[in-house]
Amino acid sequence: GEYKVIRGSSWLNDERTIRSVNRVFYETSGTGGGGISFRCAMN
């Protein structure tokens, strides 16, 4: 696809959109910005 998924929310969200179940798209060419990170996980 053109975009990757980011999930959750961050300190950049307002009180109406702070939810752990958020699922939105984000450009893959970006560095992530101030409110995006990653979590290491093992299958």
All heavy atoms as atom14 arrays in JSON, in Angstrom:
{
  "sequence": "GEYKVIRGSSWLNDERTIRSVNRVFYETSGTGGGGISFRCAMN",
  "atom14_mask": [
    [1, 1, 1, 1, 0, 0, 0, 0, 0, 0, 0, 0, 0, 0],
    [1, 1, 1, 1, 1, 1, 1, 1, 1, 0, 0, 0, 0, 0],
    [1, 1, 1, 1, 1, 1, 1, 1, 1, 1, 1, 1, 0, 0],
    [1, 1, 1, 1, 1, 1, 1, 1, 1, 0, 0, 0, 0, 0],
    [1, 1, 1, 1, 1, 1, 1, 0, 0, 0, 0, 0, 0, 0],
    [1, 1, 1, 1, 1, 1, 1, 1, 0, 0, 0, 0, 0, 0],
    [1, 1, 1, 1, 1, 1, 1, 1, 1, 1, 1, 0, 0, 0],
    [1, 1, 1, 1, 0, 0, 0, 0, 0, 0, 0, 0, 0, 0],
    [1, 1, 1, 1, 1, 1, 0, 0, 0, 0, 0, 0, 0, 0],
    [1, 1, 1, 1, 1, 1, 0, 0, 0, 0, 0, 0, 0, 0],
    [1, 1, 1, 1, 1, 1, 1, 1, 1, 1, 1, 1, 1, 1],
    [1, 1, 1, 1, 1, 1, 1, 1, 0, 0, 0, 0, 0, 0],
    [1, 1, 1, 1, 1, 1, 1, 1, 0, 0, 0, 0, 0, 0],
    [1, 1, 1, 1, 1, 1, 1, 1, 0, 0, 0, 0, 0, 0],
    [1, 1, 1, 1, 1, 1, 1, 1, 1, 0, 0, 0, 0, 0],
    [1, 1, 1, 1, 1, 1, 1, 1, 1, 1, 1, 0, 0, 0],
    [1, 1, 1, 1, 1, 1, 1, 0, 0, 0, 0, 0, 0, 0],
    [1, 1, 1, 1, 1, 1, 1, 1, 0, 0, 0, 0, 0, 0],
    [1, 1, 1, 1, 1, 1, 1, 1, 1, 1, 1, 0, 0, 0],
    [1, 1, 1, 1, 1, 1, 0, 0, 0, 0, 0, 0, 0, 0],
    [1, 1, 1, 1, 1, 1, 1, 0, 0, 0, 0, 0, 0, 0],
    [1, 1, 1, 1, 1, 1, 1, 1, 0, 0, 0, 0, 0, 0],
    [1, 1, 1, 1, 1, 1, 1, 1, 1, 1, 1, 0, 0, 0],
    [1, 1, 1, 1, 1, 1, 1, 0, 0, 0, 0, 0, 0, 0],
    [1, 1, 1, 1, 1, 1, 1, 1, 1, 1, 1, 0, 0, 0],
    [1, 1, 1, 1, 1, 1, 1, 1, 1, 1, 1, 1, 0, 0],
    [1, 1, 1, 1, 1, 1, 1, 1, 1, 0, 0, 0, 0, 0],
    [1, 1, 1, 1, 1, 1, 1, 0, 0, 0, 0, 0, 0, 0],
    [1, 1, 1, 1, 1, 1, 0, 0, 0, 0, 0, 0, 0, 0],
    [1, 1, 1, 1, 0, 0, 0, 0, 0, 0, 0, 0, 0, 0],
    [1, 1, 1, 1, 1, 1, 1, 0, 0, 0, 0, 0, 0, 0],
    [1, 1, 1, 1, 0, 0, 0, 0, 0, 0, 0, 0, 0, 0],
    [1, 1, 1, 1, 0, 0, 0, 0, 0, 0, 0, 0, 0, 0],
    [1, 1, 1, 1, 0, 0, 0, 0, 0, 0, 0, 0, 0, 0],
    [1, 1, 1, 1, 0, 0, 0, 0, 0, 0, 0, 0, 0, 0],
    [1, 1, 1, 1, 1, 1, 1, 1, 0, 0, 0, 0, 0, 0],
    [1, 1, 1, 1, 1, 1, 0, 0, 0, 0, 0, 0, 0, 0],
    [1, 1, 1, 1, 1, 1, 1, 1, 1, 1, 1, 0, 0, 0],
    [1, 1, 1, 1, 1, 1, 1, 1, 1, 1, 1, 0, 0, 0],
    [1, 1, 1, 1, 1, 1, 0, 0, 0, 0, 0, 0, 0, 0],
    [1, 1, 1, 1, 1, 0, 0, 0, 0, 0, 0, 0, 0, 0],
    [1, 1, 1, 1, 1, 1, 1, 1, 0, 0, 0, 0, 0, 0],
    [1, 1, 1, 1, 1, 1, 1, 1, 0, 0, 0, 0, 0, 0]
  ],
  "atom14_positions": [
    [[0.81, -1.2, 0.0], [0.0, 0.0, 0.0], [0.85, 1.26, 0.0], [2.07, 1.2, -0.08], [0.0, 0.0, 0.0], [0.0, 0.0, 0.0], [0.0, 0.0, 0.0], [0.0, 0.0, 0.0], [0.0, 0.0, 0.0], [0.0, 0.0, 0.0], [0.0, 0.0, 0.0], [0.0, 0.0, 0.0], [0.0, 0.0, 0.0], [0.0, 0.0, 0.0]],
    [[0.19, 2.38, 0.12], [0.88, 3.67, 0.13], [1.19, 4.14, 1.55], [2.18, 4.82, 1.78], [-0.01, 4.7, -0.56], [0.61, 6.07, -0.69], [-0.27, 7.04, -1.44], [-1.33, 6.65, -1.95], [0.11, 8.22, -1.5], [0.0, 0.0, 0.0], [0.0, 0.0, 0.0], [0.0, 0.0, 0.0], [0.0, 0.0, 0.0], [0.0, 0.0, 0.0]],
    [[0.34, 3.75, 2.5], [0.48, 4.2, 3.88], [0.6, 3.02, 4.83], [0.05, 1.95, 4.57], [-0.74, 5.03, 4.31], [-0.97, 6.24, 3.46], [-1.96, 6.27, 2.5], [-0.17, 7.37, 3.61], [-2.18, 7.37, 1.72], [-0.38, 8.49, 2.83], [-1.38, 8.49, 1.88], [-1.58, 9.6, 1.11], [0.0, 0.0, 0.0], [0.0, 0.0, 0.0]],
    [[1.28, 3.22, 5.94], [1.34, 2.23, 7.02], [0.35, 2.62, 8.1], [-0.1, 3.76, 8.18], [2.74, 2.16, 7.63], [3.77, 1.54, 6.72], [3.46, 0.09, 6.44], [4.48, -0.8, 7.1], [4.26, -2.2, 6.89], [0.0, 0.0, 0.0], [0.0, 0.0, 0.0], [0.0, 0.0, 0.0], [0.0, 0.0, 0.0], [0.0, 0.0, 0.0]],
    [[0.01, 1.67, 8.96], [-0.93, 1.9, 10.05], [-0.17, 2.33, 11.3], [0.91, 1.81, 11.6], [-1.73, 0.62, 10.36], [-2.58, 0.78, 11.61], [-2.59, 0.23, 9.18], [0.0, 0.0, 0.0], [0.0, 0.0, 0.0], [0.0, 0.0, 0.0], [0.0, 0.0, 0.0], [0.0, 0.0, 0.0], [0.0, 0.0, 0.0], [0.0, 0.0, 0.0]],
    [[-0.73, 3.3, 12.0], [-0.29, 3.59, 13.36], [-1.5, 3.39, 14.26], [-2.64, 3.61, 13.86], [0.32, 5.0, 13.52], [-0.66, 6.09, 13.07], [1.64, 5.11, 12.79], [-0.14, 7.51, 13.31], [0.0, 0.0, 0.0], [0.0, 0.0, 0.0], [0.0, 0.0, 0.0], [0.0, 0.0, 0.0], [0.0, 0.0, 0.0], [0.0, 0.0, 0.0]],
    [[-1.25, 2.9, 15.46], [-2.34, 2.59, 16.4], [-2.13, 3.31, 17.71], [-1.0, 3.59, 18.1], [-2.41, 1.09, 16.66], [-2.84, 0.29, 15.46], [-3.0, -1.17, 15.83], [-3.41, -1.97, 14.71], [-4.67, -2.29, 14.43], [-5.64, -1.87, 15.19], [-4.96, -3.01, 13.38], [0.0, 0.0, 0.0], [0.0, 0.0, 0.0], [0.0, 0.0, 0.0]],
    [[-3.24, 3.56, 18.39], [-3.2, 4.19, 19.7], [-3.48, 5.67, 19.62], [-4.26, 6.13, 18.81], [0.0, 0.0, 0.0], [0.0, 0.0, 0.0], [0.0, 0.0, 0.0], [0.0, 0.0, 0.0], [0.0, 0.0, 0.0], [0.0, 0.0, 0.0], [0.0, 0.0, 0.0], [0.0, 0.0, 0.0], [0.0, 0.0, 0.0], [0.0, 0.0, 0.0]],
    [[-2.82, 6.41, 20.47], [-2.92, 7.87, 20.48], [-1.69, 8.4, 21.19], [-0.85, 7.64, 21.65], [-4.21, 8.33, 21.17], [-4.26, 7.86, 22.49], [0.0, 0.0, 0.0], [0.0, 0.0, 0.0], [0.0, 0.0, 0.0], [0.0, 0.0, 0.0], [0.0, 0.0, 0.0], [0.0, 0.0, 0.0], [0.0, 0.0, 0.0], [0.0, 0.0, 0.0]],
    [[-1.58, 9.7, 21.29], [-0.39, 10.29, 21.92], [-0.77, 11.54, 22.69], [-1.92, 11.97, 22.68], [0.65, 10.63, 20.86], [0.34, 11.83, 20.2], [0.0, 0.0, 0.0], [0.0, 0.0, 0.0], [0.0, 0.0, 0.0], [0.0, 0.0, 0.0], [0.0, 0.0, 0.0], [0.0, 0.0, 0.0], [0.0, 0.0, 0.0], [0.0, 0.0, 0.0]],
    [[0.21, 12.13, 23.29], [0.02, 13.38, 24.02], [-0.43, 14.51, 23.1], [-0.91, 15.54, 23.56], [1.3, 13.75, 24.76], [2.5, 13.85, 23.87], [3.32, 12.83, 23.48], [2.99, 15.03, 23.24], [4.3, 13.29, 22.65], [4.13, 14.66, 22.48], [2.6, 16.35, 23.24], [4.85, 15.56, 21.74], [3.33, 17.26, 22.49], [4.45, 16.86, 21.76]],
    [[-0.33, 14.31, 21.79], [-0.78, 15.32, 20.83], [-2.3, 15.31, 20.63], [-2.85, 16.25, 20.1], [-0.09, 15.1, 19.48], [1.42, 15.28, 19.46], [1.99, 14.86, 18.12], [1.8, 16.71, 19.79], [0.0, 0.0, 0.0], [0.0, 0.0, 0.0], [0.0, 0.0, 0.0], [0.0, 0.0, 0.0], [0.0, 0.0, 0.0], [0.0, 0.0, 0.0]],
    [[-2.97, 14.22, 21.04], [-4.42, 14.12, 20.89], [-5.14, 14.94, 21.95], [-4.63, 15.14, 23.04], [-4.87, 12.66, 21.03], [-4.45, 11.82, 19.86], [-3.37, 11.23, 19.9], [-5.26, 11.75, 18.84], [0.0, 0.0, 0.0], [0.0, 0.0, 0.0], [0.0, 0.0, 0.0], [0.0, 0.0, 0.0], [0.0, 0.0, 0.0], [0.0, 0.0, 0.0]],
    [[-6.36, 15.36, 21.6], [-7.18, 16.03, 22.62], [-7.98, 14.98, 23.38], [-7.96, 13.8, 23.05], [-8.08, 17.1, 22.01], [-9.11, 16.56, 21.04], [-9.48, 15.37, 21.16], [-9.58, 17.32, 20.19], [0.0, 0.0, 0.0], [0.0, 0.0, 0.0], [0.0, 0.0, 0.0], [0.0, 0.0, 0.0], [0.0, 0.0, 0.0], [0.0, 0.0, 0.0]],
    [[-8.72, 15.39, 24.4], [-9.41, 14.45, 25.28], [-10.48, 13.62, 24.55], [-10.86, 12.56, 25.01], [-10.04, 15.17, 26.48], [-11.14, 16.15, 26.13], [-10.65, 17.54, 25.76], [-9.42, 17.77, 25.72], [-11.49, 18.4, 25.49], [0.0, 0.0, 0.0], [0.0, 0.0, 0.0], [0.0, 0.0, 0.0], [0.0, 0.0, 0.0], [0.0, 0.0, 0.0]],
    [[-10.95, 14.07, 23.4], [-11.96, 13.32, 22.66], [-11.37, 12.18, 21.84], [-12.07, 11.26, 21.45], [-12.76, 14.24, 21.73], [-13.58, 15.28, 22.47], [-14.18, 16.3, 21.52], [-13.06, 17.11, 21.01], [-12.94, 17.58, 19.77], [-13.88, 17.33, 18.89], [-11.91, 18.29, 19.4], [0.0, 0.0, 0.0], [0.0, 0.0, 0.0], [0.0, 0.0, 0.0]],
    [[-10.08, 12.24, 21.57], [-9.47, 11.24, 20.68], [-8.38, 10.41, 21.34], [-7.68, 9.69, 20.65], [-8.92, 11.92, 19.42], [-7.95, 12.9, 19.8], [-10.02, 12.56, 18.61], [0.0, 0.0, 0.0], [0.0, 0.0, 0.0], [0.0, 0.0, 0.0], [0.0, 0.0, 0.0], [0.0, 0.0, 0.0], [0.0, 0.0, 0.0], [0.0, 0.0, 0.0]],
    [[-8.21, 10.51, 22.65], [-7.23, 9.67, 23.34], [-7.86, 8.29, 23.54], [-8.72, 8.12, 24.39], [-6.8, 10.27, 24.68], [-6.05, 11.57, 24.44], [-5.94, 9.29, 25.46], [-5.64, 12.28, 25.7], [0.0, 0.0, 0.0], [0.0, 0.0, 0.0], [0.0, 0.0, 0.0], [0.0, 0.0, 0.0], [0.0, 0.0, 0.0], [0.0, 0.0, 0.0]],
    [[-7.47, 7.35, 22.69], [-8.02, 5.99, 22.74], [-6.94, 5.0, 22.32], [-6.23, 5.23, 21.36], [-9.2, 5.85, 21.78], [-10.38, 6.71, 22.08], [-11.41, 6.79, 20.96], [-11.32, 5.76, 19.95], [-12.24, 4.81, 19.74], [-13.31, 4.76, 20.48], [-12.11, 3.94, 18.78], [0.0, 0.0, 0.0], [0.0, 0.0, 0.0], [0.0, 0.0, 0.0]],
    [[-6.86, 3.88, 23.0], [-5.87, 2.87, 22.64], [-6.27, 2.11, 21.38], [-5.43, 1.45, 20.77], [-5.67, 1.89, 23.79], [-6.87, 1.23, 24.08], [0.0, 0.0, 0.0], [0.0, 0.0, 0.0], [0.0, 0.0, 0.0], [0.0, 0.0, 0.0], [0.0, 0.0, 0.0], [0.0, 0.0, 0.0], [0.0, 0.0, 0.0], [0.0, 0.0, 0.0]],
    [[-7.52, 2.19, 20.95], [-7.99, 1.44, 19.79], [-7.95, 2.23, 18.49], [-8.37, 1.73, 17.44], [-9.42, 0.88, 20.01], [-9.44, -0.08, 21.17], [-10.4, 2.0, 20.22], [0.0, 0.0, 0.0], [0.0, 0.0, 0.0], [0.0, 0.0, 0.0], [0.0, 0.0, 0.0], [0.0, 0.0, 0.0], [0.0, 0.0, 0.0], [0.0, 0.0, 0.0]],
    [[-7.44, 3.46, 18.5], [-7.34, 4.24, 17.26], [-6.5, 3.48, 16.25], [-5.49, 2.85, 16.59], [-6.69, 5.59, 17.52], [-7.61, 6.55, 18.22], [-8.81, 6.41, 18.19], [-7.02, 7.54, 18.85], [0.0, 0.0, 0.0], [0.0, 0.0, 0.0], [0.0, 0.0, 0.0], [0.0, 0.0, 0.0], [0.0, 0.0, 0.0], [0.0, 0.0, 0.0]],
    [[-6.9, 3.56, 14.99], [-6.16, 2.95, 13.89], [-6.23, 3.92, 12.73], [-7.29, 4.13, 12.15], [-6.79, 1.62, 13.49], [-6.1, 0.93, 12.34], [-6.83, -0.38, 12.01], [-6.27, -0.98, 10.83], [-6.58, -0.67, 9.58], [-7.49, 0.26, 9.34], [-6.03, -1.27, 8.57], [0.0, 0.0, 0.0], [0.0, 0.0, 0.0], [0.0, 0.0, 0.0]],
    [[-5.11, 4.55, 12.39], [-5.08, 5.55, 11.34], [-3.88, 5.3, 10.43], [-3.0, 4.51, 10.74], [-5.04, 7.0, 11.91], [-6.3, 7.3, 12.69], [-3.83, 7.2, 12.8], [0.0, 0.0, 0.0], [0.0, 0.0, 0.0], [0.0, 0.0, 0.0], [0.0, 0.0, 0.0], [0.0, 0.0, 0.0], [0.0, 0.0, 0.0], [0.0, 0.0, 0.0]],
    [[-3.84, 5.99, 9.3], [-2.72, 5.81, 8.36], [-1.69, 6.93, 8.52], [-1.99, 8.01, 9.02], [-3.21, 5.72, 6.92], [-3.87, 6.96, 6.4], [-3.12, 7.93, 5.78], [-5.23, 7.15, 6.53], [-3.72, 9.09, 5.29], [-5.85, 8.28, 6.04], [-5.09, 9.25, 5.42], [0.0, 0.0, 0.0], [0.0, 0.0, 0.0], [0.0, 0.0, 0.0]],
    [[-0.48, 6.65, 8.07], [0.6, 7.61, 8.15], [1.58, 7.33, 7.03], [1.82, 6.17, 6.67], [1.31, 7.51, 9.5], [2.08, 8.74, 9.87], [1.44, 9.85, 10.42], [3.46, 8.81, 9.68], [2.14, 10.99, 10.76], [4.16, 9.96, 10.02], [3.49, 11.03, 10.56], [4.19, 12.16, 10.9], [0.0, 0.0, 0.0], [0.0, 0.0, 0.0]],
    [[2.16, 8.38, 6.46], [3.11, 8.21, 5.36], [4.36, 7.46, 5.83], [4.87, 7.71, 6.92], [3.52, 9.58, 4.81], [2.39, 10.3, 4.13], [2.84, 11.59, 3.5], [4.01, 11.7, 3.09], [2.01, 12.5, 3.41], [0.0, 0.0, 0.0], [0.0, 0.0, 0.0], [0.0, 0.0, 0.0], [0.0, 0.0, 0.0], [0.0, 0.0, 0.0]],
    [[4.84, 6.57, 5.01], [6.01, 5.77, 5.37], [7.31, 6.53, 5.23], [8.32, 6.14, 5.79], [6.08, 4.49, 4.51], [6.16, 4.88, 3.14], [4.9, 3.61, 4.75], [0.0, 0.0, 0.0], [0.0, 0.0, 0.0], [0.0, 0.0, 0.0], [0.0, 0.0, 0.0], [0.0, 0.0, 0.0], [0.0, 0.0, 0.0], [0.0, 0.0, 0.0]],
    [[7.32, 7.63, 4.5], [8.56, 8.37, 4.27], [8.92, 9.29, 5.43], [10.03, 9.8, 5.49], [8.45, 9.2, 2.99], [7.39, 10.14, 3.12], [0.0, 0.0, 0.0], [0.0, 0.0, 0.0], [0.0, 0.0, 0.0], [0.0, 0.0, 0.0], [0.0, 0.0, 0.0], [0.0, 0.0, 0.0], [0.0, 0.0, 0.0], [0.0, 0.0, 0.0]],
    [[8.0, 9.5, 6.35], [8.26, 10.41, 7.47], [9.12, 9.78, 8.55], [9.38, 8.58, 8.56], [0.0, 0.0, 0.0], [0.0, 0.0, 0.0], [0.0, 0.0, 0.0], [0.0, 0.0, 0.0], [0.0, 0.0, 0.0], [0.0, 0.0, 0.0], [0.0, 0.0, 0.0], [0.0, 0.0, 0.0], [0.0, 0.0, 0.0], [0.0, 0.0, 0.0]],
    [[9.58, 10.59, 9.47], [10.41, 10.1, 10.57], [9.58, 9.75, 11.78], [10.1, 9.26, 12.76], [11.44, 11.17, 10.99], [10.72, 12.35, 11.39], [12.38, 11.49, 9.86], [0.0, 0.0, 0.0], [0.0, 0.0, 0.0], [0.0, 0.0, 0.0], [0.0, 0.0, 0.0], [0.0, 0.0, 0.0], [0.0, 0.0, 0.0], [0.0, 0.0, 0.0]],
    [[8.3, 10.0, 11.74], [7.44, 9.64, 12.84], [6.93, 10.83, 13.62], [5.85, 10.79, 14.17], [0.0, 0.0, 0.0], [0.0, 0.0, 0.0], [0.0, 0.0, 0.0], [0.0, 0.0, 0.0], [0.0, 0.0, 0.0], [0.0, 0.0, 0.0], [0.0, 0.0, 0.0], [0.0, 0.0, 0.0], [0.0, 0.0, 0.0], [0.0, 0.0, 0.0]],
    [[7.68, 11.89, 13.7], [7.23, 13.06, 14.42], [7.28, 12.88, 15.93], [7.74, 11.88, 16.45], [0.0, 0.0, 0.0], [0.0, 0.0, 0.0], [0.0, 0.0, 0.0], [0.0, 0.0, 0.0], [0.0, 0.0, 0.0], [0.0, 0.0, 0.0], [0.0, 0.0, 0.0], [0.0, 0.0, 0.0], [0.0, 0.0, 0.0], [0.0, 0.0, 0.0]],
    [[6.75, 13.85, 16.65], [6.84, 13.86, 18.09], [5.91, 12.93, 18.81], [6.09, 12.64, 19.96], [0.0, 0.0, 0.0], [0.0, 0.0, 0.0], [0.0, 0.0, 0.0], [0.0, 0.0, 0.0], [0.0, 0.0, 0.0], [0.0, 0.0, 0.0], [0.0, 0.0, 0.0], [0.0, 0.0, 0.0], [0.0, 0.0, 0.0], [0.0, 0.0, 0.0]],
    [[4.88, 12.42, 18.14], [3.92, 11.58, 18.83], [3.87, 10.16, 18.34], [2.93, 9.44, 18.62], [0.0, 0.0, 0.0], [0.0, 0.0, 0.0], [0.0, 0.0, 0.0], [0.0, 0.0, 0.0], [0.0, 0.0, 0.0], [0.0, 0.0, 0.0], [0.0, 0.0, 0.0], [0.0, 0.0, 0.0], [0.0, 0.0, 0.0], [0.0, 0.0, 0.0]],
    [[4.89, 9.7, 17.58], [4.88, 8.35, 17.02], [6.14, 7.61, 17.42], [7.24, 8.14, 17.36], [4.75, 8.38, 15.48], [3.47, 9.1, 15.09], [4.77, 6.97, 14.91], [3.32, 9.3, 13.6], [0.0, 0.0, 0.0], [0.0, 0.0, 0.0], [0.0, 0.0, 0.0], [0.0, 0.0, 0.0], [0.0, 0.0, 0.0], [0.0, 0.0, 0.0]],
    [[5.98, 6.37, 17.82], [7.09, 5.53, 18.25], [6.86, 4.12, 17.73], [6.11, 3.92, 16.79], [7.18, 5.54, 19.78], [8.32, 4.86, 20.21], [0.0, 0.0, 0.0], [0.0, 0.0, 0.0], [0.0, 0.0, 0.0], [0.0, 0.0, 0.0], [0.0, 0.0, 0.0], [0.0, 0.0, 0.0], [0.0, 0.0, 0.0], [0.0, 0.0, 0.0]],
    [[7.48, 3.13, 18.32], [7.25, 1.74, 17.96], [7.45, 0.88, 19.19], [8.01, 1.33, 20.18], [8.16, 1.27, 16.81], [9.61, 1.26, 17.18], [10.21, 0.12, 17.68], [10.39, 2.4, 17.03], [11.54, 0.11, 18.03], [11.72, 2.4, 17.37], [12.31, 1.25, 17.87], [0.0, 0.0, 0.0], [0.0, 0.0, 0.0], [0.0, 0.0, 0.0]],
    [[6.95, -0.32, 19.14], [7.1, -1.26, 20.24], [7.7, -2.54, 19.69], [7.22, -3.08, 18.69], [5.75, -1.57, 20.87], [5.83, -2.59, 21.99], [4.48, -2.88, 22.57], [3.94, -1.66, 23.17], [2.76, -1.59, 23.76], [1.99, -2.64, 23.82], [2.35, -0.46, 24.27], [0.0, 0.0, 0.0], [0.0, 0.0, 0.0], [0.0, 0.0, 0.0]],
    [[8.75, -3.03, 20.31], [9.33, -4.31, 19.91], [8.45, -5.44, 20.45], [8.01, -5.39, 21.6], [10.74, -4.46, 20.46], [11.89, -3.24, 19.8], [0.0, 0.0, 0.0], [0.0, 0.0, 0.0], [0.0, 0.0, 0.0], [0.0, 0.0, 0.0], [0.0, 0.0, 0.0], [0.0, 0.0, 0.0], [0.0, 0.0, 0.0], [0.0, 0.0, 0.0]],
    [[8.19, -6.41, 19.63], [7.35, -7.53, 20.05], [7.85, -8.8, 19.38], [8.49, -8.76, 18.34], [5.9, -7.28, 19.66], [0.0, 0.0, 0.0], [0.0, 0.0, 0.0], [0.0, 0.0, 0.0], [0.0, 0.0, 0.0], [0.0, 0.0, 0.0], [0.0, 0.0, 0.0], [0.0, 0.0, 0.0], [0.0, 0.0, 0.0], [0.0, 0.0, 0.0]],
    [[7.54, -9.92, 19.99], [7.94, -11.21, 19.45], [6.68, -12.03, 19.2], [5.76, -12.03, 20.03], [8.84, -11.94, 20.44], [9.32, -13.27, 19.93], [10.44, -14.09, 21.08], [9.27, -14.77, 22.24], [0.0, 0.0, 0.0], [0.0, 0.0, 0.0], [0.0, 0.0, 0.0], [0.0, 0.0, 0.0], [0.0, 0.0, 0.0], [0.0, 0.0, 0.0]],
    [[6.64, -12.72, 18.1], [5.55, -13.6, 17.8], [5.59, -14.78, 18.75], [6.6, -15.48, 18.86], [5.65, -14.07, 16.35], [4.51, -14.94, 15.92], [3.8, -15.51, 16.73], [4.35, -15.06, 14.62], [0.0, 0.0, 0.0], [0.0, 0.0, 0.0], [0.0, 0.0, 0.0], [0.0, 0.0, 0.0], [0.0, 0.0, 0.0], [0.0, 0.0, 0.0]]
  ]
}
